[in-house]
């Protein structure tokens, strides 16, 4: 009889030491939440890598393969620049939202920086093509955007190149206007 009482007390003691049903249910919910957040993080990483790839592809598309010597070629090139600009603006807006996320900065930030540099360089290329086609107003507008929209401390070489090209536009416009008066 004493053995039965000791065995019962031992059984009750052991039963109370293990997790009860509510604790087990909580542990299961915790595991499910962790798995769900892990899946969400994996999807976010995939999204960030995909965004970085899109920025890289759009940046590469702004490298002119042939000289921009016709209005049609310039129009096609301008469309590629507009696509890149839209991707850059979207990524910059996302940067404000996701800035504390380390993996966003790891995957997207370098691509965003390269894309902005490609955009500024592409706009200068476009401005030079517009100058060559004697579209002085369009060249001014394009080059002024580079000077105004891109931080000279970050993109100093590009903004200086835009300023110099803008001076060339003014000289060419003045020369063309002087010839027209004669």
C-alpha atoms as a PDB file:
ATOM      1  CA  UNK A   1       0.000   0.000   0.000  1.00  0.00           C
ATOM      2  CA  UNK A   2       2.816   2.413   0.879  1.00  0.00           C
ATOM      3  CA  UNK A   3       4.447   1.498  -2.420  1.00  0.00           C
ATOM      4  CA  UNK A   4       1.219   2.391  -4.224  1.00  0.00           C
ATOM      5  CA  UNK A   5       1.022   5.766  -2.451  1.00  0.00           C
ATOM      6  CA  UNK A   6       4.695   6.493  -3.201  1.00  0.00           C
ATOM      7  CA  UNK A   7       4.183   5.452  -6.794  1.00  0.00           C
ATOM      8  CA  UNK A   8       1.096   7.714  -7.093  1.00  0.00           C
ATOM      9  CA  UNK A   9       2.941  10.675  -5.539  1.00  0.00           C
ATOM     10  CA  UNK A  10       5.891  10.055  -7.836  1.00  0.00           C
ATOM     11  CA  UNK A  11       3.596   9.859 -10.871  1.00  0.00           C
ATOM     12  CA  UNK A  12       1.787  13.098  -9.930  1.00  0.00           C
ATOM     13  CA  UNK A  13       5.097  14.833  -9.295  1.00  0.00           C
ATOM     14  CA  UNK A  14       6.489  13.766 -12.652  1.00  0.00           C
ATOM     15  CA  UNK A  15       3.252  14.704 -14.418  1.00  0.00           C
ATOM     16  CA  UNK A  16       3.325  18.183 -12.938  1.00  0.00           C
ATOM     17  CA  UNK A  17       6.974  18.683 -13.985  1.00  0.00           C
ATOM     18  CA  UNK A  18       6.304  18.181 -17.699  1.00  0.00           C
ATOM     19  CA  UNK A  19       4.594  20.728 -19.912  1.00  0.00           C
ATOM     20  CA  UNK A  20       0.845  20.889 -19.619  1.00  0.00           C
ATOM     21  CA  UNK A  21      -1.466  21.090 -22.606  1.00  0.00           C
ATOM     22  CA  UNK A  22      -1.610  24.882 -22.654  1.00  0.00           C
ATOM     23  CA  UNK A  23       2.188  25.139 -22.488  1.00  0.00           C
ATOM     24  CA  UNK A  24       2.515  22.620 -25.300  1.00  0.00           C
ATOM     25  CA  UNK A  25      -0.023  24.552 -27.369  1.00  0.00           C
ATOM     26  CA  UNK A  26       1.921  27.785 -26.735  1.00  0.00           C
ATOM     27  CA  UNK A  27       5.177  26.106 -27.750  1.00  0.00           C
ATOM     28  CA  UNK A  28       3.501  24.865 -30.945  1.00  0.00           C
ATOM     29  CA  UNK A  29       2.206  28.395 -31.723  1.00  0.00           C
ATOM     30  CA  UNK A  30       5.702  29.794 -31.090  1.00  0.00           C
ATOM     31  CA  UNK A  31       7.217  27.273 -33.498  1.00  0.00           C
ATOM     32  CA  UNK A  32       4.578  28.107 -36.129  1.00  0.00           C
ATOM     33  CA  UNK A  33       5.173  31.852 -35.730  1.00  0.00           C
ATOM     34  CA  UNK A  34       8.925  31.363 -36.035  1.00  0.00           C
ATOM     35  CA  UNK A  35       8.471  29.219 -39.157  1.00  0.00           C
ATOM     36  CA  UNK A  36       6.092  31.800 -40.609  1.00  0.00           C
ATOM     37  CA  UNK A  37       8.482  34.686 -39.922  1.00  0.00           C
ATOM     38  CA  UNK A  38      11.360  32.669 -41.347  1.00  0.00           C
ATOM     39  CA  UNK A  39       9.347  32.067 -44.545  1.00  0.00           C
ATOM     40  CA  UNK A  40       8.468  35.762 -44.680  1.00  0.00           C
ATOM     41  CA  UNK A  41      12.151  36.712 -44.243  1.00  0.00           C
ATOM     42  CA  UNK A  42      13.136  34.295 -47.010  1.00  0.00           C
ATOM     43  CA  UNK A  43      10.520  35.844 -49.315  1.00  0.00           C
ATOM     44  CA  UNK A  44      11.709  39.340 -48.397  1.00  0.00           C
ATOM     45  CA  UNK A  45      15.298  38.366 -49.193  1.00  0.00           C
ATOM     46  CA  UNK A  46      14.182  36.962 -52.542  1.00  0.00           C
ATOM     47  CA  UNK A  47      12.267  40.180 -53.263  1.00  0.00           C
ATOM     48  CA  UNK A  48      15.322  42.264 -52.396  1.00  0.00           C
ATOM     49  CA  UNK A  49      17.593  40.181 -54.615  1.00  0.00           C
ATOM     50  CA  UNK A  50      15.061  40.456 -57.463  1.00  0.00           C
ATOM     51  CA  UNK A  51      14.877  44.241 -57.031  1.00  0.00           C
ATOM     52  CA  UNK A  52      18.672  44.471 -57.086  1.00  0.00           C
ATOM     53  CA  UNK A  53      18.747  42.414 -60.289  1.00  0.00           C
ATOM     54  CA  UNK A  54      16.135  44.656 -61.942  1.00  0.00           C
ATOM     55  CA  UNK A  55      18.209  47.715 -61.048  1.00  0.00           C
ATOM     56  CA  UNK A  56      21.340  46.083 -62.463  1.00  0.00           C
ATOM     57  CA  UNK A  57      19.618  45.078 -65.714  1.00  0.00           C
ATOM     58  CA  UNK A  58      18.075  48.518 -66.170  1.00  0.00           C
ATOM     59  CA  UNK A  59      21.454  50.128 -65.464  1.00  0.00           C
ATOM     60  CA  UNK A  60      23.137  47.980 -68.093  1.00  0.00           C
ATOM     61  CA  UNK A  61      20.424  48.933 -70.582  1.00  0.00           C
ATOM     62  CA  UNK A  62      21.530  52.562 -70.354  1.00  0.00           C
ATOM     63  CA  UNK A  63      24.943  51.805 -71.811  1.00  0.00           C
ATOM     64  CA  UNK A  64      24.565  53.007 -75.402  1.00  0.00           C
ATOM     65  CA  UNK A  65      25.704  50.346 -77.830  1.00  0.00           C
ATOM     66  CA  UNK A  66      25.627  52.645 -80.843  1.00  0.00           C
ATOM     67  CA  UNK A  67      25.915  56.426 -81.049  1.00  0.00           C
ATOM     68  CA  UNK A  68      22.682  58.293 -80.490  1.00  0.00           C
ATOM     69  CA  UNK A  69      22.605  60.040 -83.846  1.00  0.00           C
ATOM     70  CA  UNK A  70      18.911  59.985 -84.728  1.00  0.00           C
ATOM     71  CA  UNK A  71      15.756  61.126 -82.954  1.00  0.00           C
ATOM     72  CA  UNK A  72      14.475  57.535 -82.980  1.00  0.00           C
ATOM     73  CA  UNK A  73      17.582  56.181 -81.254  1.00  0.00           C
ATOM     74  CA  UNK A  74      17.463  59.042 -78.762  1.00  0.00           C
ATOM     75  CA  UNK A  75      13.790  58.351 -78.054  1.00  0.00           C
ATOM     76  CA  UNK A  76      14.482  54.663 -77.439  1.00  0.00           C
ATOM     77  CA  UNK A  77      17.400  55.553 -75.161  1.00  0.00           C
ATOM     78  CA  UNK A  78      15.223  58.071 -73.292  1.00  0.00           C
ATOM     79  CA  UNK A  79      12.658  55.332 -72.661  1.00  0.00           C
ATOM     80  CA  UNK A  80      15.368  53.131 -71.122  1.00  0.00           C
ATOM     81  CA  UNK A  81      16.440  56.034 -68.920  1.00  0.00           C
ATOM     82  CA  UNK A  82      12.828  56.591 -67.852  1.00  0.00           C
ATOM     83  CA  UNK A  83      12.523  52.904 -66.902  1.00  0.00           C
ATOM     84  CA  UNK A  84      15.694  53.121 -64.838  1.00  0.00           C
ATOM     85  CA  UNK A  85      14.545  56.348 -63.215  1.00  0.00           C
ATOM     86  CA  UNK A  86      11.260  54.721 -62.164  1.00  0.00           C
ATOM     87  CA  UNK A  87      13.108  51.767 -60.642  1.00  0.00           C
ATOM     88  CA  UNK A  88      15.471  54.120 -58.810  1.00  0.00           C
ATOM     89  CA  UNK A  89      12.605  56.196 -57.406  1.00  0.00           C
ATOM     90  CA  UNK A  90      10.789  53.064 -56.247  1.00  0.00           C
ATOM     91  CA  UNK A  91      13.928  51.685 -54.619  1.00  0.00           C
ATOM     92  CA  UNK A  92      14.606  55.016 -52.898  1.00  0.00           C
ATOM     93  CA  UNK A  93      11.085  55.042 -51.478  1.00  0.00           C
ATOM     94  CA  UNK A  94      11.569  51.478 -50.272  1.00  0.00           C
ATOM     95  CA  UNK A  95      14.891  52.494 -48.725  1.00  0.00           C
ATOM     96  CA  UNK A  96      13.028  54.879 -46.454  1.00  0.00           C
ATOM     97  CA  UNK A  97      10.716  52.067 -45.370  1.00  0.00           C
ATOM     98  CA  UNK A  98      13.298  49.300 -45.098  1.00  0.00           C
ATOM     99  CA  UNK A  99      16.413  51.190 -44.009  1.00  0.00           C
ATOM    100  CA  UNK A 100      16.865  49.315 -40.721  1.00  0.00           C
ATOM    101  CA  UNK A 101      16.848  45.944 -42.493  1.00  0.00           C
ATOM    102  CA  UNK A 102      20.411  44.819 -42.929  1.00  0.00           C
ATOM    103  CA  UNK A 103      19.683  42.417 -45.779  1.00  0.00           C
ATOM    104  CA  UNK A 104      17.951  45.214 -47.766  1.00  0.00           C
ATOM    105  CA  UNK A 105      21.069  47.353 -47.466  1.00  0.00           C
ATOM    106  CA  UNK A 106      23.211  44.343 -48.349  1.00  0.00           C
ATOM    107  CA  UNK A 107      21.289  43.341 -51.485  1.00  0.00           C
ATOM    108  CA  UNK A 108      19.682  46.501 -52.841  1.00  0.00           C
ATOM    109  CA  UNK A 109      21.750  49.494 -51.700  1.00  0.00           C
ATOM    110  CA  UNK A 110      24.849  48.765 -53.838  1.00  0.00           C
ATOM    111  CA  UNK A 111      22.649  48.178 -56.885  1.00  0.00           C
ATOM    112  CA  UNK A 112      20.726  51.357 -56.162  1.00  0.00           C
ATOM    113  CA  UNK A 113      23.953  53.357 -55.969  1.00  0.00           C
ATOM    114  CA  UNK A 114      25.171  51.921 -59.285  1.00  0.00           C
ATOM    115  CA  UNK A 115      21.773  52.552 -60.857  1.00  0.00           C
ATOM    116  CA  UNK A 116      21.785  56.194 -59.791  1.00  0.00           C
ATOM    117  CA  UNK A 117      25.274  56.608 -61.195  1.00  0.00           C
ATOM    118  CA  UNK A 118      24.179  54.944 -64.456  1.00  0.00           C
ATOM    119  CA  UNK A 119      21.144  57.219 -64.581  1.00  0.00           C
ATOM    120  CA  UNK A 120      23.236  60.371 -64.163  1.00  0.00           C
ATOM    121  CA  UNK A 121      25.751  59.151 -66.732  1.00  0.00           C
ATOM    122  CA  UNK A 122      22.953  58.215 -69.109  1.00  0.00           C
ATOM    123  CA  UNK A 123      21.356  61.625 -68.757  1.00  0.00           C
ATOM    124  CA  UNK A 124      24.684  63.250 -69.629  1.00  0.00           C
ATOM    125  CA  UNK A 125      24.956  60.980 -72.668  1.00  0.00           C
ATOM    126  CA  UNK A 126      21.435  61.998 -73.642  1.00  0.00           C
ATOM    127  CA  UNK A 127      22.273  65.691 -73.156  1.00  0.00           C
ATOM    128  CA  UNK A 128      25.344  65.357 -75.356  1.00  0.00           C
ATOM    129  CA  UNK A 129      23.276  63.623 -78.058  1.00  0.00           C
ATOM    130  CA  UNK A 130      20.691  66.405 -77.878  1.00  0.00           C
ATOM    131  CA  UNK A 131      23.504  68.943 -78.209  1.00  0.00           C
ATOM    132  CA  UNK A 132      24.866  67.103 -81.258  1.00  0.00           C
ATOM    133  CA  UNK A 133      21.372  67.236 -82.790  1.00  0.00           C
ATOM    134  CA  UNK A 134      21.266  70.970 -81.994  1.00  0.00           C
ATOM    135  CA  UNK A 135      18.273  70.565 -79.667  1.00  0.00           C
ATOM    136  CA  UNK A 136      19.639  73.099 -77.217  1.00  0.00           C
ATOM    137  CA  UNK A 137      16.514  73.418 -75.067  1.00  0.00           C
ATOM    138  CA  UNK A 138      16.255  69.674 -74.535  1.00  0.00           C
ATOM    139  CA  UNK A 139      19.989  69.436 -73.795  1.00  0.00           C
ATOM    140  CA  UNK A 140      19.733  72.247 -71.223  1.00  0.00           C
ATOM    141  CA  UNK A 141      16.775  70.601 -69.540  1.00  0.00           C
ATOM    142  CA  UNK A 142      18.446  67.187 -69.371  1.00  0.00           C
ATOM    143  CA  UNK A 143      21.791  68.475 -68.099  1.00  0.00           C
ATOM    144  CA  UNK A 144      20.217  70.809 -65.539  1.00  0.00           C
ATOM    145  CA  UNK A 145      18.369  67.845 -64.088  1.00  0.00           C
ATOM    146  CA  UNK A 146      21.695  66.094 -63.492  1.00  0.00           C
ATOM    147  CA  UNK A 147      23.138  69.177 -61.803  1.00  0.00           C
ATOM    148  CA  UNK A 148      20.063  69.685 -59.618  1.00  0.00           C
ATOM    149  CA  UNK A 149      18.937  66.132 -58.845  1.00  0.00           C
ATOM    150  CA  UNK A 150      22.251  64.428 -58.099  1.00  0.00           C
ATOM    151  CA  UNK A 151      24.233  65.227 -54.969  1.00  0.00           C
ATOM    152  CA  UNK A 152      27.546  66.761 -56.019  1.00  0.00           C
ATOM    153  CA  UNK A 153      29.280  65.288 -52.958  1.00  0.00           C
ATOM    154  CA  UNK A 154      28.338  61.778 -54.069  1.00  0.00           C
ATOM    155  CA  UNK A 155      28.272  62.210 -57.853  1.00  0.00           C
ATOM    156  CA  UNK A 156      30.781  65.044 -58.114  1.00  0.00           C
ATOM    157  CA  UNK A 157      32.493  63.897 -61.286  1.00  0.00           C
ATOM    158  CA  UNK A 158      29.195  63.414 -63.047  1.00  0.00           C
ATOM    159  CA  UNK A 159      27.707  66.719 -61.914  1.00  0.00           C
ATOM    160  CA  UNK A 160      30.879  68.545 -63.014  1.00  0.00           C
ATOM    161  CA  UNK A 161      30.687  66.807 -66.394  1.00  0.00           C
ATOM    162  CA  UNK A 162      27.050  67.891 -66.691  1.00  0.00           C
ATOM    163  CA  UNK A 163      28.000  71.492 -65.818  1.00  0.00           C
ATOM    164  CA  UNK A 164      30.794  71.534 -68.406  1.00  0.00           C
ATOM    165  CA  UNK A 165      28.503  70.052 -71.050  1.00  0.00           C
ATOM    166  CA  UNK A 166      25.847  72.595 -70.113  1.00  0.00           C
ATOM    167  CA  UNK A 167      28.418  75.349 -70.772  1.00  0.00           C
ATOM    168  CA  UNK A 168      29.093  73.743 -74.162  1.00  0.00           C
ATOM    169  CA  UNK A 169      25.368  73.835 -74.879  1.00  0.00           C
ATOM    170  CA  UNK A 170      25.237  77.548 -74.044  1.00  0.00           C
ATOM    171  CA  UNK A 171      28.235  78.280 -76.270  1.00  0.00           C
ATOM    172  CA  UNK A 172      26.770  76.287 -79.162  1.00  0.00           C
ATOM    173  CA  UNK A 173      23.348  77.913 -78.711  1.00  0.00           C
ATOM    174  CA  UNK A 174      24.905  81.397 -78.690  1.00  0.00           C
ATOM    175  CA  UNK A 175      26.979  80.576 -81.763  1.00  0.00           C
ATOM    176  CA  UNK A 176      23.932  79.200 -83.599  1.00  0.00           C
ATOM    177  CA  UNK A 177      21.934  82.281 -82.658  1.00  0.00           C
ATOM    178  CA  UNK A 178      24.745  84.584 -83.871  1.00  0.00           C
ATOM    179  CA  UNK A 179      24.885  82.723 -87.199  1.00  0.00           C
ATOM    180  CA  UNK A 180      21.139  82.954 -87.527  1.00  0.00           C
ATOM    181  CA  UNK A 181      21.281  86.754 -87.172  1.00  0.00           C
ATOM    182  CA  UNK A 182      23.757  87.068 -90.018  1.00  0.00           C
END
